């Protein structure tokens, strides 16, 4: 059904956003760790 496809699309987009946020926060943490090592 159209509703099922729509929900799947929304869920997929939500997952992508969560993954991007997760990856970006990990990258930020890695940068902070690097700065602490340099400093």
N, C-alpha and C. Protein backbone atom coordinates (compact mmCIF):
# COMPACT_ATOMS: atom_id res chain seq x y z
N UNK A 1 0.83 -1.20 0.00
CA UNK A 1 0.00 0.00 0.00
C UNK A 1 0.87 1.25 0.00
N UNK A 2 0.26 2.37 -0.35
CA UNK A 2 0.99 3.64 -0.37
C UNK A 2 1.45 4.01 1.03
N UNK A 3 0.60 3.78 2.04
CA UNK A 3 0.95 4.11 3.42
C UNK A 3 2.19 3.33 3.87
N UNK A 4 2.26 2.07 3.51
CA UNK A 4 3.40 1.23 3.87
C UNK A 4 4.68 1.74 3.25
N UNK A 5 4.61 2.11 1.97
CA UNK A 5 5.79 2.65 1.29
C UNK A 5 6.22 3.96 1.92
N UNK A 6 5.24 4.80 2.25
CA UNK A 6 5.53 6.09 2.86
C UNK A 6 6.22 5.91 4.21
N UNK A 7 5.67 4.99 5.02
CA UNK A 7 6.25 4.73 6.35
C UNK A 7 7.67 4.18 6.22
N UNK A 8 7.88 3.29 5.25
CA UNK A 8 9.21 2.72 5.03
C UNK A 8 10.20 3.81 4.63
N UNK A 9 9.72 4.74 3.78
CA UNK A 9 10.57 5.83 3.33
C UNK A 9 10.95 6.74 4.51
N UNK A 10 9.97 7.06 5.34
CA UNK A 10 10.22 7.91 6.51
C UNK A 10 11.19 7.21 7.47
N UNK A 11 10.97 5.92 7.71
CA UNK A 11 11.84 5.16 8.60
C UNK A 11 13.26 5.12 8.06
N UNK A 12 13.39 4.93 6.74
CA UNK A 12 14.70 4.88 6.09
C UNK A 12 15.41 6.22 6.23
N UNK A 13 14.68 7.32 6.00
CA UNK A 13 15.27 8.66 6.14
C UNK A 13 15.68 8.91 7.57
N UNK A 14 14.86 8.48 8.53
CA UNK A 14 15.18 8.65 9.94
C UNK A 14 16.45 7.91 10.30
N UNK A 15 16.61 6.71 9.74
CA UNK A 15 17.79 5.90 10.01
C UNK A 15 19.03 6.58 9.46
N UNK A 16 18.93 7.13 8.25
CA UNK A 16 20.07 7.84 7.65
C UNK A 16 20.48 9.03 8.50
N UNK A 17 19.48 9.78 8.98
CA UNK A 17 19.77 10.94 9.82
C UNK A 17 20.46 10.50 11.11
N UNK A 18 19.95 9.43 11.73
CA UNK A 18 20.55 8.91 12.96
C UNK A 18 21.99 8.48 12.72
N UNK A 19 22.22 7.79 11.60
CA UNK A 19 23.56 7.33 11.27
C UNK A 19 24.51 8.50 11.06
N UNK A 20 24.05 9.52 10.33
CA UNK A 20 24.88 10.70 10.09
C UNK A 20 25.21 11.41 11.39
N UNK A 21 24.22 11.54 12.26
CA UNK A 21 24.43 12.19 13.56
C UNK A 21 25.44 11.39 14.37
N UNK A 22 25.29 10.06 14.35
CA UNK A 22 26.18 9.17 15.10
C UNK A 22 27.61 9.29 14.58
N UNK A 23 27.76 9.26 13.28
CA UNK A 23 29.09 9.35 12.66
C UNK A 23 29.71 10.72 12.95
N UNK A 24 28.92 11.79 12.81
CA UNK A 24 29.44 13.14 13.04
C UNK A 24 29.85 13.34 14.49
N UNK A 25 29.06 12.81 15.44
CA UNK A 25 29.40 12.98 16.85
C UNK A 25 30.67 12.20 17.18
N UNK A 26 30.85 11.03 16.55
CA UNK A 26 32.08 10.26 16.76
C UNK A 26 33.29 10.99 16.20
N UNK A 27 33.10 11.63 15.04
CA UNK A 27 34.19 12.38 14.41
C UNK A 27 34.56 13.57 15.29
N UNK A 28 33.54 14.23 15.85
CA UNK A 28 33.78 15.36 16.74
C UNK A 28 34.55 14.91 17.97
N UNK A 29 34.17 13.78 18.54
CA UNK A 29 34.84 13.26 19.73
C UNK A 29 36.29 12.93 19.39
N UNK A 30 36.52 12.35 18.22
CA UNK A 30 37.87 12.01 17.80
C UNK A 30 38.72 13.27 17.66
N UNK A 31 38.11 14.34 17.13
CA UNK A 31 38.82 15.61 17.00
C UNK A 31 39.19 16.18 18.36
N UNK A 32 38.25 16.13 19.31
CA UNK A 32 38.52 16.64 20.65
C UNK A 32 39.65 15.84 21.31
N UNK A 33 39.62 14.51 21.13
CA UNK A 33 40.67 13.66 21.68
C UNK A 33 42.02 14.04 21.08
N UNK A 34 42.03 14.32 19.78
CA UNK A 34 43.26 14.71 19.09
C UNK A 34 43.80 16.02 19.64
N UNK A 35 42.91 17.00 19.83
CA UNK A 35 43.33 18.29 20.38
C UNK A 35 43.89 18.14 21.79
N UNK A 36 43.29 17.24 22.58
CA UNK A 36 43.78 17.02 23.94
C UNK A 36 45.18 16.41 23.91
N UNK A 37 45.41 15.51 22.94
CA UNK A 37 46.74 14.89 22.82
C UNK A 37 47.78 15.93 22.41
N UNK A 38 47.41 16.80 21.47
CA UNK A 38 48.33 17.85 21.00
C UNK A 38 48.61 18.84 22.13
N UNK A 39 47.52 19.26 22.80
CA UNK A 39 47.65 20.22 23.89
C UNK A 39 48.27 19.55 25.09
